[in-house]
Amino acid sequence: MSKPVRFHKQFEKHYAKRILPNIKMSRQYDERYAQFVAGKRDYPLDDHQLTGKLAGKRALSITSDTRLVYKETEDEILFLDIGTHNQVY
C-alpha cells in the first residue's frame, strides 16, 4: 500500500481499551493490519463503503463482530475507530 496510515486519537484510545487487553484480538488486528497495508481488501477483510451518517468512510472486518472504520484520501488513510459493530456504528 503506497499511502501512509495515520491513527486518529479516538482510534488509539479505543484500540488501547477494546483490542489491546485481549491477546487473541490483538493478534487478529495485527494480522488484518498486515493484510490491509499489503493491499488486500477482499475476504477476510471484507472492506466496504459505509452509508448514512458514516457516508464517505469505509470499514473492514477484524473479527466477525469487530470493525475498523477509516477514511481514505488521495494522500493518506486515517483509521478513525475500532470496536464491535454496535460500538462503531
PDB file of N, CA and C in Angstrom:
ATOM      1  N   MET A   1       0.867  -1.176   0.000  1.00  0.00           N
ATOM      2  CA  MET A   1       0.000   0.000   0.000  1.00  0.00           C
ATOM      3  C   MET A   1       0.901   1.223   0.000  1.00  0.00           C
ATOM      4  N   SER A   2       0.673   2.120  -0.907  1.00  0.00           N
ATOM      5  CA  SER A   2       1.552   3.269  -1.062  1.00  0.00           C
ATOM      6  C   SER A   2       1.191   4.440  -0.148  1.00  0.00           C
ATOM      7  N   LYS A   3      -0.036   4.497   0.314  1.00  0.00           N
ATOM      8  CA  LYS A   3      -0.451   5.607   1.168  1.00  0.00           C
ATOM      9  C   LYS A   3      -0.097   5.319   2.630  1.00  0.00           C
ATOM     10  N   PRO A   4       0.380   6.346   3.336  1.00  0.00           N
ATOM     11  CA  PRO A   4       0.666   6.135   4.756  1.00  0.00           C
ATOM     12  C   PRO A   4      -0.636   6.005   5.570  1.00  0.00           C
ATOM     13  N   VAL A   5      -0.560   5.242   6.637  1.00  0.00           N
ATOM     14  CA  VAL A   5      -1.704   5.075   7.537  1.00  0.00           C
ATOM     15  C   VAL A   5      -1.441   5.905   8.792  1.00  0.00           C
ATOM     16  N   ARG A   6      -2.409   6.764   9.128  1.00  0.00           N
ATOM     17  CA  ARG A   6      -2.352   7.541  10.365  1.00  0.00           C
ATOM     18  C   ARG A   6      -3.470   7.071  11.278  1.00  0.00           C
ATOM     19  N   PHE A   7      -3.331   7.364  12.565  1.00  0.00           N
ATOM     20  CA  PHE A   7      -4.290   6.906  13.557  1.00  0.00           C
ATOM     21  C   PHE A   7      -4.895   8.096  14.293  1.00  0.00           C
ATOM     22  N   HIS A   8      -6.206   8.238  14.196  1.00  0.00           N
ATOM     23  CA  HIS A   8      -6.931   9.292  14.908  1.00  0.00           C
ATOM     24  C   HIS A   8      -6.827   9.031  16.406  1.00  0.00           C
ATOM     25  N   LYS A   9      -6.874  10.080  17.199  1.00  0.00           N
ATOM     26  CA  LYS A   9      -6.773   9.954  18.653  1.00  0.00           C
ATOM     27  C   LYS A   9      -7.860   9.018  19.211  1.00  0.00           C
ATOM     28  N   GLN A  10      -9.068   9.113  18.653  1.00  0.00           N
ATOM     29  CA  GLN A  10     -10.167   8.245  19.100  1.00  0.00           C
ATOM     30  C   GLN A  10      -9.844   6.782  18.796  1.00  0.00           C
ATOM     31  N   PHE A  11      -9.262   6.521  17.628  1.00  0.00           N
ATOM     32  CA  PHE A  11      -8.874   5.155  17.289  1.00  0.00           C
ATOM     33  C   PHE A  11      -7.859   4.633  18.309  1.00  0.00           C
ATOM     34  N   GLU A  12      -6.847   5.423  18.604  1.00  0.00           N
ATOM     35  CA  GLU A  12      -5.814   5.000  19.555  1.00  0.00           C
ATOM     36  C   GLU A  12      -6.407   4.691  20.919  1.00  0.00           C
ATOM     37  N   LYS A  13      -7.330   5.526  21.372  1.00  0.00           N
ATOM     38  CA  LYS A  13      -7.983   5.331  22.673  1.00  0.00           C
ATOM     39  C   LYS A  13      -8.800   4.037  22.678  1.00  0.00           C
ATOM     40  N   HIS A  14      -9.627   3.845  21.654  1.00  0.00           N
ATOM     41  CA  HIS A  14     -10.471   2.655  21.592  1.00  0.00           C
ATOM     42  C   HIS A  14      -9.658   1.384  21.350  1.00  0.00           C
ATOM     43  N   TYR A  15      -8.586   1.477  20.588  1.00  0.00           N
ATOM     44  CA  TYR A  15      -7.713   0.327  20.379  1.00  0.00           C
ATOM     45  C   TYR A  15      -7.108  -0.113  21.716  1.00  0.00           C
ATOM     46  N   ALA A  16      -6.616   0.849  22.483  1.00  0.00           N
ATOM     47  CA  ALA A  16      -5.991   0.539  23.774  1.00  0.00           C
ATOM     48  C   ALA A  16      -6.993  -0.062  24.763  1.00  0.00           C
ATOM     49  N   LYS A  17      -8.237   0.374  24.678  1.00  0.00           N
ATOM     50  CA  LYS A  17      -9.261  -0.085  25.620  1.00  0.00           C
ATOM     51  C   LYS A  17      -9.948  -1.379  25.170  1.00  0.00           C
ATOM     52  N   ARG A  18     -10.245  -1.482  23.883  1.00  0.00           N
ATOM     53  CA  ARG A  18     -11.069  -2.580  23.382  1.00  0.00           C
ATOM     54  C   ARG A  18     -10.281  -3.747  22.783  1.00  0.00           C
ATOM     55  N   ILE A  19      -9.122  -3.494  22.232  1.00  0.00           N
ATOM     56  CA  ILE A  19      -8.396  -4.520  21.489  1.00  0.00           C
ATOM     57  C   ILE A  19      -7.157  -5.008  22.234  1.00  0.00           C
ATOM     58  N   LEU A  20      -6.321  -4.104  22.652  1.00  0.00           N
ATOM     59  CA  LEU A  20      -5.027  -4.439  23.242  1.00  0.00           C
ATOM     60  C   LEU A  20      -5.102  -5.372  24.445  1.00  0.00           C
ATOM     61  N   PRO A  21      -6.070  -5.225  25.354  1.00  0.00           N
ATOM     62  CA  PRO A  21      -6.117  -6.129  26.516  1.00  0.00           C
ATOM     63  C   PRO A  21      -6.399  -7.596  26.160  1.00  0.00           C
ATOM     64  N   ASN A  22      -6.957  -7.839  24.998  1.00  0.00           N
ATOM     65  CA  ASN A  22      -7.310  -9.194  24.569  1.00  0.00           C
ATOM     66  C   ASN A  22      -6.227  -9.692  23.600  1.00  0.00           C
ATOM     67  N   ILE A  23      -5.403 -10.614  24.054  1.00  0.00           N
ATOM     68  CA  ILE A  23      -4.274 -11.080  23.246  1.00  0.00           C
ATOM     69  C   ILE A  23      -4.735 -11.648  21.902  1.00  0.00           C
ATOM     70  N   LYS A  24      -5.785 -12.440  21.913  1.00  0.00           N
ATOM     71  CA  LYS A  24      -6.282 -13.035  20.671  1.00  0.00           C
ATOM     72  C   LYS A  24      -6.761 -11.949  19.703  1.00  0.00           C
ATOM     73  N   MET A  25      -7.491 -10.970  20.231  1.00  0.00           N
ATOM     74  CA  MET A  25      -7.994  -9.876  19.400  1.00  0.00           C
ATOM     75  C   MET A  25      -6.830  -9.029  18.880  1.00  0.00           C
ATOM     76  N   SER A  26      -5.847  -8.800  19.709  1.00  0.00           N
ATOM     77  CA  SER A  26      -4.685  -8.015  19.318  1.00  0.00           C
ATOM     78  C   SER A  26      -3.925  -8.695  18.179  1.00  0.00           C
ATOM     79  N   ARG A  27      -3.775 -10.004  18.255  1.00  0.00           N
ATOM     80  CA  ARG A  27      -3.116 -10.756  17.185  1.00  0.00           C
ATOM     81  C   ARG A  27      -3.931 -10.707  15.896  1.00  0.00           C
ATOM     82  N   GLN A  28      -5.236 -10.810  16.055  1.00  0.00           N
ATOM     83  CA  GLN A  28      -6.125 -10.761  14.890  1.00  0.00           C
ATOM     84  C   GLN A  28      -5.997  -9.395  14.191  1.00  0.00           C
ATOM     85  N   TYR A  29      -5.967  -8.328  14.995  1.00  0.00           N
ATOM     86  CA  TYR A  29      -5.795  -6.983  14.441  1.00  0.00           C
ATOM     87  C   TYR A  29      -4.468  -6.892  13.685  1.00  0.00           C
ATOM     88  N   ASP A  30      -3.386  -7.372  14.297  1.00  0.00           N
ATOM     89  CA  ASP A  30      -2.063  -7.310  13.659  1.00  0.00           C
ATOM     90  C   ASP A  30      -2.073  -8.023  12.312  1.00  0.00           C
ATOM     91  N   GLU A  31      -2.728  -9.180  12.276  1.00  0.00           N
ATOM     92  CA  GLU A  31      -2.813  -9.953  11.034  1.00  0.00           C
ATOM     93  C   GLU A  31      -3.595  -9.197   9.965  1.00  0.00           C
ATOM     94  N   ARG A  32      -4.741  -8.634  10.352  1.00  0.00           N
ATOM     95  CA  ARG A  32      -5.572  -7.896   9.392  1.00  0.00           C
ATOM     96  C   ARG A  32      -4.884  -6.609   8.937  1.00  0.00           C
ATOM     97  N   TYR A  33      -4.194  -5.944   9.856  1.00  0.00           N
ATOM     98  CA  TYR A  33      -3.469  -4.725   9.501  1.00  0.00           C
ATOM     99  C   TYR A  33      -2.408  -5.038   8.439  1.00  0.00           C
ATOM    100  N   ALA A  34      -1.662  -6.114   8.642  1.00  0.00           N
ATOM    101  CA  ALA A  34      -0.629  -6.506   7.679  1.00  0.00           C
ATOM    102  C   ALA A  34      -1.256  -6.795   6.318  1.00  0.00           C
ATOM    103  N   GLN A  35      -2.397  -7.463   6.301  1.00  0.00           N
ATOM    104  CA  GLN A  35      -3.085  -7.743   5.035  1.00  0.00           C
ATOM    105  C   GLN A  35      -3.527  -6.448   4.363  1.00  0.00           C
ATOM    106  N   PHE A  36      -4.056  -5.529   5.168  1.00  0.00           N
ATOM    107  CA  PHE A  36      -4.552  -4.256   4.639  1.00  0.00           C
ATOM    108  C   PHE A  36      -3.422  -3.439   4.010  1.00  0.00           C
ATOM    109  N   VAL A  37      -2.313  -3.275   4.720  1.00  0.00           N
ATOM    110  CA  VAL A  37      -1.216  -2.461   4.186  1.00  0.00           C
ATOM    111  C   VAL A  37      -0.549  -3.145   2.990  1.00  0.00           C
ATOM    112  N   ALA A  38      -0.727  -4.473   2.861  1.00  0.00           N
ATOM    113  CA  ALA A  38      -0.216  -5.191   1.695  1.00  0.00           C
ATOM    114  C   ALA A  38      -1.136  -5.026   0.484  1.00  0.00           C
ATOM    115  N   GLY A  39      -2.271  -4.359   0.680  1.00  0.00           N
ATOM    116  CA  GLY A  39      -3.168  -4.076  -0.430  1.00  0.00           C
ATOM    117  C   GLY A  39      -4.382  -4.984  -0.527  1.00  0.00           C
ATOM    118  N   LYS A  40      -4.533  -5.909   0.403  1.00  0.00           N
ATOM    119  CA  LYS A  40      -5.676  -6.822   0.366  1.00  0.00           C
ATOM    120  C   LYS A  40      -6.925  -6.083   0.848  1.00  0.00           C
ATOM    121  N   ARG A  41      -8.023  -6.243   0.134  1.00  0.00           N
ATOM    122  CA  ARG A  41      -9.265  -5.573   0.526  1.00  0.00           C
ATOM    123  C   ARG A  41     -10.443  -6.541   0.594  1.00  0.00           C
ATOM    124  N   ASP A  42     -10.290  -7.719   0.000  1.00  0.00           N
ATOM    125  CA  ASP A  42     -11.403  -8.673  -0.025  1.00  0.00           C
ATOM    126  C   ASP A  42     -11.371  -9.564   1.224  1.00  0.00           C
ATOM    127  N   TYR A  43     -11.977 -10.736   1.149  1.00  0.00           N
ATOM    128  CA  TYR A  43     -12.039 -11.645   2.290  1.00  0.00           C
ATOM    129  C   TYR A  43     -10.639 -11.935   2.812  1.00  0.00           C
ATOM    130  N   PRO A  44     -10.392 -11.921   4.091  1.00  0.00           N
ATOM    131  CA  PRO A  44     -11.323 -11.814   5.216  1.00  0.00           C
ATOM    132  C   PRO A  44     -11.585 -10.384   5.690  1.00  0.00           C
ATOM    133  N   LEU A  45     -10.981  -9.390   5.023  1.00  0.00           N
ATOM    134  CA  LEU A  45     -11.183  -8.004   5.457  1.00  0.00           C
ATOM    135  C   LEU A  45     -12.580  -7.481   5.135  1.00  0.00           C
ATOM    136  N   ASP A  46     -13.141  -7.943   4.042  1.00  0.00           N
ATOM    137  CA  ASP A  46     -14.476  -7.506   3.620  1.00  0.00           C
ATOM    138  C   ASP A  46     -14.617  -5.985   3.659  1.00  0.00           C
ATOM    139  N   ASP A  47     -13.627  -5.301   3.122  1.00  0.00           N
ATOM    140  CA  ASP A  47     -13.620  -3.840   3.068  1.00  0.00           C
ATOM    141  C   ASP A  47     -14.853  -3.359   2.307  1.00  0.00           C
ATOM    142  N   HIS A  48     -15.556  -2.364   2.881  1.00  0.00           N
ATOM    143  CA  HIS A  48     -16.761  -1.860   2.224  1.00  0.00           C
ATOM    144  C   HIS A  48     -17.012  -0.403   2.577  1.00  0.00           C
ATOM    145  N   GLN A  49     -17.715   0.261   1.688  1.00  0.00           N
ATOM    146  CA  GLN A  49     -18.084   1.655   1.873  1.00  0.00           C
ATOM    147  C   GLN A  49     -19.268   1.736   2.833  1.00  0.00           C
ATOM    148  N   LEU A  50     -19.284   2.775   3.659  1.00  0.00           N
ATOM    149  CA  LEU A  50     -20.375   2.963   4.612  1.00  0.00           C
ATOM    150  C   LEU A  50     -21.391   3.964   4.074  1.00  0.00           C
ATOM    151  N   THR A  51     -22.594   3.895   4.613  1.00  0.00           N
ATOM    152  CA  THR A  51     -23.671   4.797   4.205  1.00  0.00           C
ATOM    153  C   THR A  51     -24.230   5.498   5.436  1.00  0.00           C
ATOM    154  N   GLY A  52     -25.233   6.309   5.217  1.00  0.00           N
ATOM    155  CA  GLY A  52     -25.889   7.002   6.326  1.00  0.00           C
ATOM    156  C   GLY A  52     -24.982   8.035   6.960  1.00  0.00           C
ATOM    157  N   LYS A  53     -24.979   8.078   8.290  1.00  0.00           N
ATOM    158  CA  LYS A  53     -24.183   9.093   8.996  1.00  0.00           C
ATOM    159  C   LYS A  53     -22.677   8.890   8.827  1.00  0.00           C
ATOM    160  N   LEU A  54     -22.276   7.705   8.373  1.00  0.00           N
ATOM    161  CA  LEU A  54     -20.854   7.429   8.143  1.00  0.00           C
ATOM    162  C   LEU A  54     -20.498   7.412   6.649  1.00  0.00           C
ATOM    163  N   ALA A  55     -21.347   7.989   5.835  1.00  0.00           N
ATOM    164  CA  ALA A  55     -21.089   8.056   4.392  1.00  0.00           C
ATOM    165  C   ALA A  55     -19.752   8.751   4.144  1.00  0.00           C
ATOM    166  N   GLY A  56     -19.010   8.248   3.177  1.00  0.00           N
ATOM    167  CA  GLY A  56     -17.698   8.800   2.876  1.00  0.00           C
ATOM    168  C   GLY A  56     -16.575   8.084   3.603  1.00  0.00           C
ATOM    169  N   LYS A  57     -16.941   7.184   4.501  1.00  0.00           N
ATOM    170  CA  LYS A  57     -15.966   6.404   5.242  1.00  0.00           C
ATOM    171  C   LYS A  57     -16.078   4.945   4.809  1.00  0.00           C
ATOM    172  N   ARG A  58     -15.096   4.160   5.203  1.00  0.00           N
ATOM    173  CA  ARG A  58     -15.075   2.745   4.861  1.00  0.00           C
ATOM    174  C   ARG A  58     -14.858   1.932   6.138  1.00  0.00           C
ATOM    175  N   ALA A  59     -15.136   0.644   6.067  1.00  0.00           N
ATOM    176  CA  ALA A  59     -14.918  -0.245   7.212  1.00  0.00           C
ATOM    177  C   ALA A  59     -14.334  -1.551   6.733  1.00  0.00           C
ATOM    178  N   LEU A  60     -13.599  -2.196   7.609  1.00  0.00           N
ATOM    179  CA  LEU A  60     -13.102  -3.532   7.339  1.00  0.00           C
ATOM    180  C   LEU A  60     -13.286  -4.379   8.584  1.00  0.00           C
ATOM    181  N   SER A  61     -13.328  -5.681   8.379  1.00  0.00           N
ATOM    182  CA  SER A  61     -13.583  -6.614   9.473  1.00  0.00           C
ATOM    183  C   SER A  61     -12.274  -7.085  10.098  1.00  0.00           C
ATOM    184  N   ILE A  62     -12.252  -7.037  11.432  1.00  0.00           N
ATOM    185  CA  ILE A  62     -11.143  -7.606  12.186  1.00  0.00           C
ATOM    186  C   ILE A  62     -11.541  -9.017  12.637  1.00  0.00           C
ATOM    187  N   THR A  63     -12.757  -9.138  13.172  1.00  0.00           N
ATOM    188  CA  THR A  63     -13.361 -10.430  13.500  1.00  0.00           C
ATOM    189  C   THR A  63     -14.776 -10.394  12.939  1.00  0.00           C
ATOM    190  N   SER A  64     -15.560 -11.415  13.256  1.00  0.00           N
ATOM    191  CA  SER A  64     -16.935 -11.436  12.745  1.00  0.00           C
ATOM    192  C   SER A  64     -17.763 -10.264  13.279  1.00  0.00           C
ATOM    193  N   ASP A  65     -17.422  -9.719  14.448  1.00  0.00           N
ATOM    194  CA  ASP A  65     -18.180  -8.599  15.005  1.00  0.00           C
ATOM    195  C   ASP A  65     -17.346  -7.340  15.243  1.00  0.00           C
ATOM    196  N   THR A  66     -16.058  -7.383  15.022  1.00  0.00           N
ATOM    197  CA  THR A  66     -15.198  -6.221  15.261  1.00  0.00           C
ATOM    198  C   THR A  66     -14.887  -5.537  13.945  1.00  0.00           C
ATOM    199  N   ARG A  67     -15.111  -4.214  13.926  1.00  0.00           N
ATOM    200  CA  ARG A  67     -14.904  -3.423  12.713  1.00  0.00           C
ATOM    201  C   ARG A  67     -13.892  -2.309  12.952  1.00  0.00           C
ATOM    202  N   LEU A  68     -13.203  -1.949  11.884  1.00  0.00           N
ATOM    203  CA  LEU A  68     -12.294  -0.817  11.888  1.00  0.00           C
ATOM    204  C   LEU A  68     -12.847   0.168  10.871  1.00  0.00           C
ATOM    205  N   VAL A  69     -13.127   1.390  11.302  1.00  0.00           N
ATOM    206  CA  VAL A  69     -13.667   2.430  10.429  1.00  0.00           C
ATOM    207  C   VAL A  69     -12.512   3.364  10.050  1.00  0.00           C
ATOM    208  N   TYR A  70     -12.426   3.660   8.746  1.00  0.00           N
ATOM    209  CA  TYR A  70     -11.355   4.540   8.297  1.00  0.00           C
ATOM    210  C   TYR A  70     -11.832   5.443   7.162  1.00  0.00           C
ATOM    211  N   LYS A  71     -11.012   6.454   6.900  1.00  0.00           N
ATOM    212  CA  LYS A  71     -11.286   7.383   5.809  1.00  0.00           C
ATOM    213  C   LYS A  71     -10.050   7.421   4.928  1.00  0.00           C
ATOM    214  N   GLU A  72     -10.282   7.332   3.626  1.00  0.00           N
ATOM    215  CA  GLU A  72      -9.170   7.348   2.670  1.00  0.00           C
ATOM    216  C   GLU A  72      -9.224   8.617   1.835  1.00  0.00           C
ATOM    217  N   THR A  73      -8.095   9.300   1.757  1.00  0.00           N
ATOM    218  CA  THR A  73      -7.968  10.484   0.911  1.00  0.00           C
ATOM    219  C   THR A  73      -6.931  10.174  -0.173  1.00  0.00           C
ATOM    220  N   GLU A  74      -6.660  11.130  -1.014  1.00  0.00           N
ATOM    221  CA  GLU A  74      -5.649  10.928  -2.049  1.00  0.00           C
ATOM    222  C   GLU A  74      -4.267  10.715  -1.444  1.00  0.00           C
ATOM    223  N   ASP A  75      -4.024  11.310  -0.257  1.00  0.00           N
ATOM    224  CA  ASP A  75      -2.692  11.302   0.334  1.00  0.00           C
ATOM    225  C   ASP A  75      -2.467  10.283   1.439  1.00  0.00           C
ATOM    226  N   GLU A  76      -3.544   9.873   2.128  1.00  0.00           N
ATOM    227  CA  GLU A  76      -3.351   9.028   3.304  1.00  0.00           C
ATOM    228  C   GLU A  76      -4.599   8.223   3.639  1.00  0.00           C
ATOM    229  N   ILE A  77      -4.428   7.327   4.587  1.00  0.00           N
ATOM    230  CA  ILE A  77      -5.532   6.567   5.164  1.00  0.00           C
ATOM    231  C   ILE A  77      -5.541   6.891   6.649  1.00  0.00           C
ATOM    232  N   LEU A  78      -6.700   7.292   7.153  1.00  0.00           N
ATOM    233  CA  LEU A  78      -6.827   7.670   8.557  1.00  0.00           C
ATOM    234  C   LEU A  78      -7.756   6.689   9.253  1.00  0.00           C
ATOM    235  N   PHE A  79      -7.211   5.897  10.179  1.00  0.00           N
ATOM    236  CA  PHE A  79      -8.023   4.991  10.977  1.00  0.00           C
ATOM    237  C   PHE A  79      -8.766   5.823  12.014  1.00  0.00           C
ATOM    238  N   LEU A  80     -10.092   5.725  12.017  1.00  0.00           N
ATOM    239  CA  LEU A  80     -10.934   6.577  12.854  1.00  0.00           C
ATOM    240  C   LEU A  80     -11.427   5.901  14.129  1.00  0.00           C
ATOM    241  N   ASP A  81     -11.844   4.640  14.035  1.00  0.00           N
ATOM    242  CA  ASP A  81     -12.424   3.968  15.199  1.00  0.00           C
ATOM    243  C   ASP A  81     -12.317   2.457  15.028  1.00  0.00           C
ATOM    244  N   ILE A  82     -12.375   1.751  16.167  1.00  0.00           N
ATOM    245  CA  ILE A  82     -12.351   0.304  16.155  1.00  0.00           C
ATOM    246  C   ILE A  82     -13.185  -0.201  17.318  1.00  0.00           C
ATOM    247  N   GLY A  83     -13.917  -1.267  17.095  1.00  0.00           N
ATOM    248  CA  GLY A  83     -14.750  -1.856  18.145  1.00  0.00           C
ATOM    249  C   GLY A  83     -15.787  -2.787  17.546  1.00  0.00           C
ATOM    250  N   THR A  84     -16.714  -3.219  18.379  1.00  0.00           N
ATOM    251  CA  THR A  84     -17.764  -4.087  17.885  1.00  0.00           C
ATOM    252  C   THR A  84     -18.658  -3.312  16.925  1.00  0.00           C
ATOM    253  N   HIS A  85     -19.444  -4.044  16.197  1.00  0.00           N
ATOM    254  CA  HIS A  85     -20.382  -3.452  15.239  1.00  0.00           C
ATOM    255  C   HIS A  85     -21.209  -2.354  15.924  1.00  0.00           C
ATOM    256  N   ASN A  86     -21.754  -2.663  17.085  1.00  0.00           N
ATOM    257  CA  ASN A  86     -22.580  -1.689  17.816  1.00  0.00           C
ATOM    258  C   ASN A  86     -21.779  -0.496  18.322  1.00  0.00           C
ATOM    259  N   GLN A  87     -20.533  -0.682  18.678  1.00  0.00           N
ATOM    260  CA  GLN A  87     -19.717   0.411  19.209  1.00  0.00           C
ATOM    261  C   GLN A  87     -19.344   1.428  18.138  1.00  0.00           C
ATOM    262  N   VAL A  88     -19.051   0.987  16.935  1.00  0.00           N
ATOM    263  CA  VAL A  88     -18.584   1.917  15.899  1.00  0.00           C
ATOM    264  C   VAL A  88     -19.663   2.439  14.984  1.00  0.00           C
ATOM    265  N   TYR A  89     -20.813   1.744  14.913  1.00  0.00           N
ATOM    266  CA  TYR A  89     -21.898   2.215  14.064  1.00  0.00           C
ATOM    267  C   TYR A  89     -22.919   2.864  14.943  1.00  0.00           C
TER     268      TYR A  89
END
